[in-house]
C-alpha atoms as a PDB file:
ATOM      1  CA  UNK A   1       9.268  -5.791  -8.237  1.00  0.00           C
ATOM      2  CA  UNK A   2       7.814  -7.898  -6.120  1.00  0.00           C
ATOM      3  CA  UNK A   3       9.475 -10.658  -3.992  1.00  0.00           C
ATOM      4  CA  UNK A   4       7.926 -13.961  -3.743  1.00  0.00           C
ATOM      5  CA  UNK A   5       8.965 -17.021  -1.411  1.00  0.00           C
ATOM      6  CA  UNK A   6       9.194 -20.645  -2.411  1.00  0.00           C
ATOM      7  CA  UNK A   7       6.164 -22.507  -0.368  1.00  0.00           C
ATOM      8  CA  UNK A   8       8.550 -25.248   1.310  1.00  0.00           C
ATOM      9  CA  UNK A   9       7.279 -28.971   1.184  1.00  0.00           C
ATOM     10  CA  UNK A  10       5.184 -30.381   3.848  1.00  0.00           C
ATOM     11  CA  UNK A  11       7.019 -32.434   6.331  1.00  0.00           C
ATOM     12  CA  UNK A  12       5.612 -35.734   6.828  1.00  0.00           C
ATOM     13  CA  UNK A  13       6.095 -37.437  10.236  1.00  0.00           C
ATOM     14  CA  UNK A  14       6.199 -41.119  10.356  1.00  0.00           C
ATOM     15  CA  UNK A  15       6.067 -42.452  14.085  1.00  0.00           C
ATOM     16  CA  UNK A  16       5.370 -40.363  17.005  1.00  0.00           C
ATOM     17  CA  UNK A  17       4.250 -36.828  16.899  1.00  0.00           C
ATOM     18  CA  UNK A  18       5.381 -34.093  18.859  1.00  0.00           C
ATOM     19  CA  UNK A  19       2.262 -33.128  21.461  1.00  0.00           C
ATOM     20  CA  UNK A  20       3.603 -29.399  20.759  1.00  0.00           C
ATOM     21  CA  UNK A  21       2.929 -29.791  16.869  1.00  0.00           C
ATOM     22  CA  UNK A  22      -0.892 -28.519  17.720  1.00  0.00           C
ATOM     23  CA  UNK A  23       0.707 -25.560  18.494  1.00  0.00           C
ATOM     24  CA  UNK A  24       2.959 -24.979  15.688  1.00  0.00           C
ATOM     25  CA  UNK A  25       2.189 -21.575  13.727  1.00  0.00           C
ATOM     26  CA  UNK A  26       3.623 -20.992   9.683  1.00  0.00           C
ATOM     27  CA  UNK A  27       5.714 -18.316   8.719  1.00  0.00           C
ATOM     28  CA  UNK A  28       3.933 -14.699   8.305  1.00  0.00           C
ATOM     29  CA  UNK A  29       4.202 -13.993   4.618  1.00  0.00           C
ATOM     30  CA  UNK A  30       3.608 -10.134   4.320  1.00  0.00           C
ATOM     31  CA  UNK A  31       2.678 -10.606   0.485  1.00  0.00           C
ATOM     32  CA  UNK A  32      -0.259 -12.852   1.255  1.00  0.00           C
ATOM     33  CA  UNK A  33      -1.792 -10.491   3.636  1.00  0.00           C
ATOM     34  CA  UNK A  34      -1.012  -6.966   1.181  1.00  0.00           C
ATOM     35  CA  UNK A  35      -1.195  -7.960  -1.591  1.00  0.00           C
ATOM     36  CA  UNK A  36      -4.525  -9.241  -3.565  1.00  0.00           C
ATOM     37  CA  UNK A  37      -3.437  -9.482  -7.096  1.00  0.00           C
ATOM     38  CA  UNK A  38       0.156  -9.630  -7.341  1.00  0.00           C
ATOM     39  CA  UNK A  39       0.543  -9.312 -11.235  1.00  0.00           C
ATOM     40  CA  UNK A  40      -1.372  -5.372 -10.918  1.00  0.00           C
ATOM     41  CA  UNK A  41       0.093  -4.599  -7.416  1.00  0.00           C
ATOM     42  CA  UNK A  42       3.102  -1.308  -7.668  1.00  0.00           C
ATOM     43  CA  UNK A  43       4.879   0.268  -4.762  1.00  0.00           C
ATOM     44  CA  UNK A  44       5.334   3.867  -4.111  1.00  0.00           C
ATOM     45  CA  UNK A  45       6.899   6.104  -1.687  1.00  0.00           C
ATOM     46  CA  UNK A  46       5.026   8.901  -0.582  1.00  0.00           C
ATOM     47  CA  UNK A  47       6.882  12.405  -1.007  1.00  0.00           C
ATOM     48  CA  UNK A  48       5.623  15.577   1.085  1.00  0.00           C
ATOM     49  CA  UNK A  49       2.725  15.871   3.519  1.00  0.00           C
ATOM     50  CA  UNK A  50      -0.092  16.254   1.279  1.00  0.00           C
ATOM     51  CA  UNK A  51      -2.036  13.629   3.119  1.00  0.00           C
ATOM     52  CA  UNK A  52      -1.401  13.919   6.413  1.00  0.00           C
ATOM     53  CA  UNK A  53      -5.480  14.413   7.389  1.00  0.00           C
ATOM     54  CA  UNK A  54      -5.984  10.984   5.834  1.00  0.00           C
ATOM     55  CA  UNK A  55      -3.084   9.173   8.215  1.00  0.00           C
ATOM     56  CA  UNK A  56      -0.371   9.228   4.945  1.00  0.00           C
ATOM     57  CA  UNK A  57       2.740  10.472   6.143  1.00  0.00           C
ATOM     58  CA  UNK A  58       6.120  11.774   4.161  1.00  0.00           C
ATOM     59  CA  UNK A  59       7.970   8.684   3.526  1.00  0.00           C
ATOM     60  CA  UNK A  60       5.671   6.090   3.593  1.00  0.00           C
ATOM     61  CA  UNK A  61       5.534   3.506   1.397  1.00  0.00           C
ATOM     62  CA  UNK A  62       2.142   2.788  -0.511  1.00  0.00           C
ATOM     63  CA  UNK A  63       1.167  -0.421  -1.428  1.00  0.00           C
ATOM     64  CA  UNK A  64      -1.221   0.104  -5.129  1.00  0.00           C
ATOM     65  CA  UNK A  65      -3.394  -2.291  -6.803  1.00  0.00           C
ATOM     66  CA  UNK A  66      -4.339  -1.230 -10.364  1.00  0.00           C
ATOM     67  CA  UNK A  67      -6.762  -4.017 -11.104  1.00  0.00           C
ATOM     68  CA  UNK A  68      -9.567  -1.813  -8.401  1.00  0.00           C
ATOM     69  CA  UNK A  69     -11.732   0.737  -9.622  1.00  0.00           C
ATOM     70  CA  UNK A  70     -12.177   3.417  -7.598  1.00  0.00           C
ATOM     71  CA  UNK A  71     -14.939   3.961  -5.252  1.00  0.00           C
ATOM     72  CA  UNK A  72     -16.105   6.868  -3.015  1.00  0.00           C
ATOM     73  CA  UNK A  73     -13.738   7.442  -0.171  1.00  0.00           C
ATOM     74  CA  UNK A  74     -10.782   5.521  -1.451  1.00  0.00           C
ATOM     75  CA  UNK A  75      -7.073   6.847  -1.363  1.00  0.00           C
ATOM     76  CA  UNK A  76      -6.103   6.603  -4.970  1.00  0.00           C
ATOM     77  CA  UNK A  77      -2.727   7.366  -6.904  1.00  0.00           C
ATOM     78  CA  UNK A  78      -3.875   9.513  -9.916  1.00  0.00           C
ATOM     79  CA  UNK A  79      -2.031  11.150 -12.999  1.00  0.00           C
ATOM     80  CA  UNK A  80      -2.171  14.583 -12.848  1.00  0.00           C
ATOM     81  CA  UNK A  81      -0.370  17.015 -15.047  1.00  0.00           C
ATOM     82  CA  UNK A  82       2.436  14.649 -16.019  1.00  0.00           C
ATOM     83  CA  UNK A  83       3.011  13.155 -12.491  1.00  0.00           C
ATOM     84  CA  UNK A  84       1.359  10.979  -9.710  1.00  0.00           C
ATOM     85  CA  UNK A  85      -0.522  12.265  -6.935  1.00  0.00           C
ATOM     86  CA  UNK A  86      -2.063  10.505  -3.827  1.00  0.00           C
ATOM     87  CA  UNK A  87      -5.591  11.803  -3.526  1.00  0.00           C
ATOM     88  CA  UNK A  88      -8.986  10.996  -1.963  1.00  0.00           C
ATOM     89  CA  UNK A  89     -11.509   9.867  -4.396  1.00  0.00           C
ATOM     90  CA  UNK A  90     -15.048  11.555  -3.902  1.00  0.00           C
ATOM     91  CA  UNK A  91     -17.879  11.372  -5.861  1.00  0.00           C
ATOM     92  CA  UNK A  92     -20.902  13.895  -5.469  1.00  0.00           C
ATOM     93  CA  UNK A  93     -23.695  14.442  -7.731  1.00  0.00           C
ATOM     94  CA  UNK A  94     -21.843  12.491 -10.680  1.00  0.00           C
ATOM     95  CA  UNK A  95     -18.626  14.394 -11.063  1.00  0.00           C
ATOM     96  CA  UNK A  96     -15.577  13.164  -9.404  1.00  0.00           C
ATOM     97  CA  UNK A  97     -13.511  15.084  -6.827  1.00  0.00           C
ATOM     98  CA  UNK A  98      -9.943  14.899  -5.910  1.00  0.00           C
ATOM     99  CA  UNK A  99      -9.158  15.964  -1.879  1.00  0.00           C
ATOM    100  CA  UNK A 100      -6.124  16.381   0.058  1.00  0.00           C
ATOM    101  CA  UNK A 101      -4.935  18.701   2.711  1.00  0.00           C
ATOM    102  CA  UNK A 102      -4.585  21.550   0.697  1.00  0.00           C
ATOM    103  CA  UNK A 103      -8.226  21.454  -0.810  1.00  0.00           C
ATOM    104  CA  UNK A 104     -10.730  19.581  -2.949  1.00  0.00           C
ATOM    105  CA  UNK A 105     -10.266  19.522  -6.981  1.00  0.00           C
ATOM    106  CA  UNK A 106     -13.022  18.819  -9.402  1.00  0.00           C
ATOM    107  CA  UNK A 107     -12.354  16.315 -12.536  1.00  0.00           C
ATOM    108  CA  UNK A 108     -12.885  19.763 -14.662  1.00  0.00           C
ATOM    109  CA  UNK A 109     -10.197  21.695 -12.844  1.00  0.00           C
ATOM    110  CA  UNK A 110      -7.655  18.977 -13.666  1.00  0.00           C
ATOM    111  CA  UNK A 111      -8.876  17.745 -17.138  1.00  0.00           C
ATOM    112  CA  UNK A 112      -8.557  14.368 -17.874  1.00  0.00           C
ATOM    113  CA  UNK A 113      -8.668  12.248 -14.753  1.00  0.00           C
ATOM    114  CA  UNK A 114      -6.115   8.967 -14.927  1.00  0.00           C
ATOM    115  CA  UNK A 115      -6.946   7.140 -11.618  1.00  0.00           C
ATOM    116  CA  UNK A 116      -3.915   4.615 -11.420  1.00  0.00           C
ATOM    117  CA  UNK A 117      -4.437   2.646  -9.058  1.00  0.00           C
ATOM    118  CA  UNK A 118      -5.979   2.199  -5.323  1.00  0.00           C
ATOM    119  CA  UNK A 119      -4.141   2.185  -2.411  1.00  0.00           C
ATOM    120  CA  UNK A 120      -4.667  -1.045  -0.537  1.00  0.00           C
ATOM    121  CA  UNK A 121      -2.042  -0.288   2.495  1.00  0.00           C
ATOM    122  CA  UNK A 122       0.216   2.143   3.789  1.00  0.00           C
ATOM    123  CA  UNK A 123       3.538   0.852   5.717  1.00  0.00           C
ATOM    124  CA  UNK A 124       5.056   3.004   7.719  1.00  0.00           C
ATOM    125  CA  UNK A 125       8.608   3.240   9.329  1.00  0.00           C
ATOM    126  CA  UNK A 126       8.883   3.783  13.044  1.00  0.00           C
ATOM    127  CA  UNK A 127      12.408   3.306  13.713  1.00  0.00           C
ATOM    128  CA  UNK A 128      13.921   6.112  15.067  1.00  0.00           C
ATOM    129  CA  UNK A 129      16.332   8.345  13.572  1.00  0.00           C
ATOM    130  CA  UNK A 130      18.929   7.180  15.431  1.00  0.00           C
ATOM    131  CA  UNK A 131      18.728   3.755  14.424  1.00  0.00           C
ATOM    132  CA  UNK A 132      18.216   4.333  10.673  1.00  0.00           C
ATOM    133  CA  UNK A 133      21.733   3.844   9.034  1.00  0.00           C
ATOM    134  CA  UNK A 134      23.639   1.168   7.520  1.00  0.00           C
ATOM    135  CA  UNK A 135      21.305  -1.444   6.169  1.00  0.00           C
ATOM    136  CA  UNK A 136      18.389  -0.074   8.406  1.00  0.00           C
ATOM    137  CA  UNK A 137      18.489   3.362   6.779  1.00  0.00           C
ATOM    138  CA  UNK A 138      15.352   2.341   4.712  1.00  0.00           C
ATOM    139  CA  UNK A 139      13.218  -0.132   6.406  1.00  0.00           C
ATOM    140  CA  UNK A 140      10.071   0.113   6.107  1.00  0.00           C
ATOM    141  CA  UNK A 141       7.753  -1.416   9.202  1.00  0.00           C
ATOM    142  CA  UNK A 142       3.797  -1.648   9.412  1.00  0.00           C
END
């Protein structure tokens, strides 16, 4: 589920404007930075250490866009043997390969390769375990 925030109406100022108004900045909207197409964006939580060599750790939050086509070197979510898997997509000599820390698998070994989406961003929780309690237990930070 994607959360959306209403854009606030621009305030009109009558009279003398504050000299500090030149330094005002808008709020940072993470969805605007991380989500390209909201209707095609989904979130997965990484389970396992199969992608550590590619900078993706256990419990990282993956932002996945289904509208993108995978290109050589993209991190993808593939549907393999009835479950979702995060892999590096490689294309060599016209054939598709999927790689992770365990090695490389060709498309012929998998059967039918179903690319579910392309990973666009990775969010990592950096809170120390001593602070991960209560409402902060599942916080994901960039």
